[in-house]
Amino acid sequence: MTERFQPSTGPVWHRVCDGPELTGSQCREFVIADTPGFAFRHQGQVYAFINRCPHLGIELNWLPDRFFDREQTFIQCSTHGALFLPQTGHCVAGPCAGEHLTALPVREQNGVVEVQVSPD
Protein backbone atom coordinates (compact mmCIF):
# COMPACT_ATOMS: atom_id res chain seq x y z
CA MET A 1 0.00 0.00 0.00
CA THR A 2 1.35 3.44 -0.92
CA GLU A 3 1.16 6.17 1.70
CA ARG A 4 -0.13 9.53 0.58
CA PHE A 5 1.21 12.72 2.10
CA GLN A 6 -0.51 16.04 2.03
CA PRO A 7 1.58 18.95 0.82
CA SER A 8 2.88 21.14 3.61
CA THR A 9 0.38 23.76 4.66
CA GLY A 10 2.94 25.55 6.81
CA PRO A 11 3.48 29.28 6.78
CA VAL A 12 4.37 30.93 3.50
CA TRP A 13 6.78 33.86 3.38
CA HIS A 14 5.93 36.67 0.95
CA ARG A 15 8.50 39.08 -0.45
CA VAL A 16 7.98 42.74 0.50
CA CYS A 17 11.16 44.44 -0.70
CA ASP A 18 14.94 44.30 -0.70
CA GLY A 19 16.35 44.96 2.77
CA PRO A 20 18.43 47.99 1.75
CA GLU A 21 15.21 49.78 0.68
CA LEU A 22 14.29 50.13 4.37
CA THR A 23 16.64 52.88 5.48
CA GLY A 24 15.98 55.77 7.83
CA SER A 25 12.24 56.21 8.15
CA GLN A 26 11.44 54.56 4.82
CA CYS A 27 8.47 52.17 4.93
CA ARG A 28 7.12 49.79 2.30
CA GLU A 29 3.42 49.15 1.88
CA PHE A 30 2.16 45.83 0.59
CA VAL A 31 -1.06 43.88 0.11
CA ILE A 32 -0.96 40.11 0.51
CA ALA A 33 -4.11 37.96 0.42
CA ASP A 34 -6.24 41.14 0.66
CA THR A 35 -4.37 42.17 3.83
CA PRO A 36 -2.78 45.63 3.67
CA GLY A 37 0.46 45.92 5.58
CA PHE A 38 3.69 47.86 5.92
CA ALA A 39 7.26 47.07 6.84
CA PHE A 40 10.08 49.29 8.09
CA ARG A 41 13.41 49.22 9.87
CA HIS A 42 13.72 50.82 13.30
CA GLN A 43 16.99 50.86 15.26
CA GLY A 44 18.37 48.14 12.96
CA GLN A 45 15.42 45.76 13.39
CA VAL A 46 12.78 45.07 10.71
CA TYR A 47 9.12 45.21 11.77
CA ALA A 48 5.81 44.67 9.94
CA PHE A 49 2.22 45.43 10.88
CA ILE A 50 -1.20 45.19 9.29
CA ASN A 51 -2.08 48.64 7.96
CA ARG A 52 -5.22 49.07 10.03
CA CYS A 53 -5.91 51.43 12.92
CA PRO A 54 -7.45 49.58 15.89
CA HIS A 55 -9.77 52.56 16.52
CA LEU A 56 -11.62 52.78 13.20
CA GLY A 57 -10.21 49.90 11.13
CA ILE A 58 -8.94 52.31 8.48
CA GLU A 59 -5.48 52.46 6.92
CA LEU A 60 -2.96 54.50 8.88
CA ASN A 61 -0.92 56.32 6.26
CA TRP A 62 -1.63 59.65 4.67
CA LEU A 63 0.58 59.10 1.59
CA PRO A 64 2.07 55.95 0.06
CA ASP A 65 4.79 54.50 2.31
CA ARG A 66 4.38 57.34 4.88
CA PHE A 67 3.59 56.10 8.39
CA PHE A 68 5.80 58.01 10.84
CA ASP A 69 5.24 61.33 12.59
CA ARG A 70 7.41 64.36 11.75
CA GLU A 71 10.05 63.46 14.32
CA GLN A 72 10.22 59.88 12.99
CA THR A 73 9.56 58.63 16.53
CA PHE A 74 6.07 57.10 16.31
CA ILE A 75 3.82 55.45 13.75
CA GLN A 76 0.97 57.93 13.38
CA CYS A 77 -2.60 57.43 12.22
CA SER A 78 -3.32 60.08 9.61
CA THR A 79 -7.02 60.27 10.51
CA HIS A 80 -6.98 61.06 14.22
CA GLY A 81 -3.30 61.34 15.13
CA ALA A 82 -2.98 58.23 17.33
CA LEU A 83 0.67 57.41 18.06
CA PHE A 84 2.06 53.87 18.13
CA LEU A 85 5.43 52.57 19.31
CA PRO A 86 7.39 51.19 16.33
CA GLN A 87 8.79 48.24 18.29
CA THR A 88 5.44 46.89 19.52
CA GLY A 89 2.59 48.72 17.79
CA HIS A 90 1.27 49.75 21.22
CA CYS A 91 -0.85 52.92 21.05
CA VAL A 92 0.49 55.50 23.52
CA ALA A 93 -1.74 58.47 22.57
CA GLY A 94 -5.06 59.03 20.85
CA PRO A 95 -8.54 57.49 20.93
CA CYS A 96 -7.17 53.93 20.83
CA ALA A 97 -4.62 54.39 23.64
CA GLY A 98 -3.75 51.03 25.16
CA GLU A 99 -4.64 49.07 22.03
CA HIS A 100 -2.13 47.60 19.54
CA LEU A 101 -1.50 47.36 15.85
CA THR A 102 -1.44 43.77 14.61
CA ALA A 103 2.16 42.64 14.14
CA LEU A 104 3.11 40.30 11.32
CA PRO A 105 5.91 37.74 11.37
CA VAL A 106 8.77 39.31 9.45
CA ARG A 107 12.28 38.24 8.52
CA GLU A 108 15.18 39.47 6.48
CA GLN A 109 16.87 36.63 4.65
CA ASN A 110 19.45 36.85 1.90
CA GLY A 111 18.89 40.60 1.68
CA VAL A 112 15.12 40.29 1.18
CA VAL A 113 12.38 41.35 3.63
CA GLU A 114 9.54 38.82 3.83
CA VAL A 115 6.33 38.60 5.88
CA GLN A 116 3.76 35.97 6.71
CA VAL A 117 0.07 36.81 6.39
CA SER A 118 -2.50 34.32 7.67
CA PRO A 119 -5.70 34.01 5.69
CA ASP A 120 -8.70 35.30 7.64
C-alpha atoms as a PDB file:
ATOM      1  CA  MET A   1       0.000   0.000   0.000  1.00  0.00           C
ATOM      2  CA  THR A   2       1.349   3.442  -0.917  1.00  0.00           C
ATOM      3  CA  GLU A   3       1.157   6.172   1.703  1.00  0.00           C
ATOM      4  CA  ARG A   4      -0.128   9.528   0.577  1.00  0.00           C
ATOM      5  CA  PHE A   5       1.210  12.720   2.098  1.00  0.00           C
ATOM      6  CA  GLN A   6      -0.513  16.042   2.035  1.00  0.00           C
ATOM      7  CA  PRO A   7       1.581  18.949   0.822  1.00  0.00           C
ATOM      8  CA  SER A   8       2.878  21.139   3.611  1.00  0.00           C
ATOM      9  CA  THR A   9       0.380  23.762   4.661  1.00  0.00           C
ATOM     10  CA  GLY A  10       2.937  25.552   6.811  1.00  0.00           C
ATOM     11  CA  PRO A  11       3.482  29.283   6.778  1.00  0.00           C
ATOM     12  CA  VAL A  12       4.370  30.928   3.499  1.00  0.00           C
ATOM     13  CA  TRP A  13       6.778  33.855   3.375  1.00  0.00           C
ATOM     14  CA  HIS A  14       5.929  36.674   0.951  1.00  0.00           C
ATOM     15  CA  ARG A  15       8.499  39.083  -0.453  1.00  0.00           C
ATOM     16  CA  VAL A  16       7.976  42.735   0.503  1.00  0.00           C
ATOM     17  CA  CYS A  17      11.161  44.441  -0.698  1.00  0.00           C
ATOM     18  CA  ASP A  18      14.942  44.304  -0.699  1.00  0.00           C
ATOM     19  CA  GLY A  19      16.347  44.958   2.774  1.00  0.00           C
ATOM     20  CA  PRO A  20      18.434  47.990   1.746  1.00  0.00           C
ATOM     21  CA  GLU A  21      15.212  49.777   0.685  1.00  0.00           C
ATOM     22  CA  LEU A  22      14.291  50.129   4.375  1.00  0.00           C
ATOM     23  CA  THR A  23      16.639  52.882   5.476  1.00  0.00           C
ATOM     24  CA  GLY A  24      15.982  55.774   7.830  1.00  0.00           C
ATOM     25  CA  SER A  25      12.241  56.208   8.147  1.00  0.00           C
ATOM     26  CA  GLN A  26      11.442  54.563   4.819  1.00  0.00           C
ATOM     27  CA  CYS A  27       8.466  52.175   4.926  1.00  0.00           C
ATOM     28  CA  ARG A  28       7.122  49.790   2.303  1.00  0.00           C
ATOM     29  CA  GLU A  29       3.420  49.151   1.878  1.00  0.00           C
ATOM     30  CA  PHE A  30       2.159  45.827   0.587  1.00  0.00           C
ATOM     31  CA  VAL A  31      -1.063  43.880   0.114  1.00  0.00           C
ATOM     32  CA  ILE A  32      -0.960  40.108   0.513  1.00  0.00           C
ATOM     33  CA  ALA A  33      -4.109  37.960   0.422  1.00  0.00           C
ATOM     34  CA  ASP A  34      -6.239  41.139   0.660  1.00  0.00           C
ATOM     35  CA  THR A  35      -4.373  42.171   3.826  1.00  0.00           C
ATOM     36  CA  PRO A  36      -2.776  45.629   3.669  1.00  0.00           C
ATOM     37  CA  GLY A  37       0.464  45.919   5.577  1.00  0.00           C
ATOM     38  CA  PHE A  38       3.686  47.863   5.915  1.00  0.00           C
ATOM     39  CA  ALA A  39       7.265  47.066   6.844  1.00  0.00           C
ATOM     40  CA  PHE A  40      10.075  49.289   8.087  1.00  0.00           C
ATOM     41  CA  ARG A  41      13.414  49.217   9.865  1.00  0.00           C
ATOM     42  CA  HIS A  42      13.723  50.820  13.299  1.00  0.00           C
ATOM     43  CA  GLN A  43      16.993  50.856  15.258  1.00  0.00           C
ATOM     44  CA  GLY A  44      18.372  48.142  12.959  1.00  0.00           C
ATOM     45  CA  GLN A  45      15.416  45.759  13.385  1.00  0.00           C
ATOM     46  CA  VAL A  46      12.781  45.068  10.706  1.00  0.00           C
ATOM     47  CA  TYR A  47       9.116  45.213  11.769  1.00  0.00           C
ATOM     48  CA  ALA A  48       5.815  44.668   9.945  1.00  0.00           C
ATOM     49  CA  PHE A  49       2.221  45.428  10.881  1.00  0.00           C
ATOM     50  CA  ILE A  50      -1.200  45.188   9.294  1.00  0.00           C
ATOM     51  CA  ASN A  51      -2.078  48.638   7.959  1.00  0.00           C
ATOM     52  CA  ARG A  52      -5.224  49.071  10.031  1.00  0.00           C
ATOM     53  CA  CYS A  53      -5.905  51.426  12.923  1.00  0.00           C
ATOM     54  CA  PRO A  54      -7.452  49.583  15.885  1.00  0.00           C
ATOM     55  CA  HIS A  55      -9.773  52.558  16.516  1.00  0.00           C
ATOM     56  CA  LEU A  56     -11.617  52.779  13.196  1.00  0.00           C
ATOM     57  CA  GLY A  57     -10.206  49.898  11.132  1.00  0.00           C
ATOM     58  CA  ILE A  58      -8.936  52.312   8.478  1.00  0.00           C
ATOM     59  CA  GLU A  59      -5.481  52.455   6.917  1.00  0.00           C
ATOM     60  CA  LEU A  60      -2.959  54.498   8.882  1.00  0.00           C
ATOM     61  CA  ASN A  61      -0.915  56.319   6.265  1.00  0.00           C
ATOM     62  CA  TRP A  62      -1.630  59.651   4.666  1.00  0.00           C
ATOM     63  CA  LEU A  63       0.576  59.098   1.586  1.00  0.00           C
ATOM     64  CA  PRO A  64       2.069  55.948   0.061  1.00  0.00           C
ATOM     65  CA  ASP A  65       4.786  54.496   2.313  1.00  0.00           C
ATOM     66  CA  ARG A  66       4.379  57.340   4.885  1.00  0.00           C
ATOM     67  CA  PHE A  67       3.586  56.102   8.388  1.00  0.00           C
ATOM     68  CA  PHE A  68       5.795  58.009  10.837  1.00  0.00           C
ATOM     69  CA  ASP A  69       5.241  61.333  12.589  1.00  0.00           C
ATOM     70  CA  ARG A  70       7.413  64.361  11.749  1.00  0.00           C
ATOM     71  CA  GLU A  71      10.050  63.464  14.321  1.00  0.00           C
ATOM     72  CA  GLN A  72      10.221  59.878  12.990  1.00  0.00           C
ATOM     73  CA  THR A  73       9.559  58.631  16.529  1.00  0.00           C
ATOM     74  CA  PHE A  74       6.067  57.096  16.308  1.00  0.00           C
ATOM     75  CA  ILE A  75       3.822  55.447  13.753  1.00  0.00           C
ATOM     76  CA  GLN A  76       0.969  57.926  13.379  1.00  0.00           C
ATOM     77  CA  CYS A  77      -2.599  57.433  12.220  1.00  0.00           C
ATOM     78  CA  SER A  78      -3.324  60.077   9.607  1.00  0.00           C
ATOM     79  CA  THR A  79      -7.019  60.271  10.506  1.00  0.00           C
ATOM     80  CA  HIS A  80      -6.976  61.061  14.219  1.00  0.00           C
ATOM     81  CA  GLY A  81      -3.298  61.339  15.126  1.00  0.00           C
ATOM     82  CA  ALA A  82      -2.985  58.229  17.327  1.00  0.00           C
ATOM     83  CA  LEU A  83       0.668  57.405  18.064  1.00  0.00           C
ATOM     84  CA  PHE A  84       2.064  53.866  18.130  1.00  0.00           C
ATOM     85  CA  LEU A  85       5.435  52.570  19.313  1.00  0.00           C
ATOM     86  CA  PRO A  86       7.386  51.190  16.332  1.00  0.00           C
ATOM     87  CA  GLN A  87       8.786  48.239  18.292  1.00  0.00           C
ATOM     88  CA  THR A  88       5.444  46.894  19.523  1.00  0.00           C
ATOM     89  CA  GLY A  89       2.592  48.722  17.785  1.00  0.00           C
ATOM     90  CA  HIS A  90       1.271  49.750  21.219  1.00  0.00           C
ATOM     91  CA  CYS A  91      -0.846  52.924  21.055  1.00  0.00           C
ATOM     92  CA  VAL A  92       0.487  55.504  23.518  1.00  0.00           C
ATOM     93  CA  ALA A  93      -1.739  58.469  22.573  1.00  0.00           C
ATOM     94  CA  GLY A  94      -5.057  59.025  20.848  1.00  0.00           C
ATOM     95  CA  PRO A  95      -8.542  57.494  20.931  1.00  0.00           C
ATOM     96  CA  CYS A  96      -7.175  53.934  20.830  1.00  0.00           C
ATOM     97  CA  ALA A  97      -4.616  54.392  23.642  1.00  0.00           C
ATOM     98  CA  GLY A  98      -3.749  51.031  25.164  1.00  0.00           C
ATOM     99  CA  GLU A  99      -4.640  49.066  22.028  1.00  0.00           C
ATOM    100  CA  HIS A 100      -2.135  47.596  19.538  1.00  0.00           C
ATOM    101  CA  LEU A 101      -1.500  47.359  15.847  1.00  0.00           C
ATOM    102  CA  THR A 102      -1.442  43.768  14.607  1.00  0.00           C
ATOM    103  CA  ALA A 103       2.159  42.643  14.140  1.00  0.00           C
ATOM    104  CA  LEU A 104       3.107  40.297  11.321  1.00  0.00           C
ATOM    105  CA  PRO A 105       5.906  37.738  11.372  1.00  0.00           C
ATOM    106  CA  VAL A 106       8.775  39.314   9.447  1.00  0.00           C
ATOM    107  CA  ARG A 107      12.277  38.238   8.516  1.00  0.00           C
ATOM    108  CA  GLU A 108      15.183  39.473   6.479  1.00  0.00           C
ATOM    109  CA  GLN A 109      16.870  36.631   4.654  1.00  0.00           C
ATOM    110  CA  ASN A 110      19.452  36.853   1.900  1.00  0.00           C
ATOM    111  CA  GLY A 111      18.889  40.601   1.682  1.00  0.00           C
ATOM    112  CA  VAL A 112      15.115  40.290   1.178  1.00  0.00           C
ATOM    113  CA  VAL A 113      12.382  41.349   3.631  1.00  0.00           C
ATOM    114  CA  GLU A 114       9.539  38.824   3.830  1.00  0.00           C
ATOM    115  CA  VAL A 115       6.332  38.601   5.876  1.00  0.00           C
ATOM    116  CA  GLN A 116       3.757  35.971   6.710  1.00  0.00           C
ATOM    117  CA  VAL A 117       0.070  36.808   6.389  1.00  0.00           C
ATOM    118  CA  SER A 118      -2.497  34.321   7.670  1.00  0.00           C
ATOM    119  CA  PRO A 119      -5.698  34.014   5.689  1.00  0.00           C
ATOM    120  CA  ASP A 120      -8.702  35.297   7.642  1.00  0.00           C
END
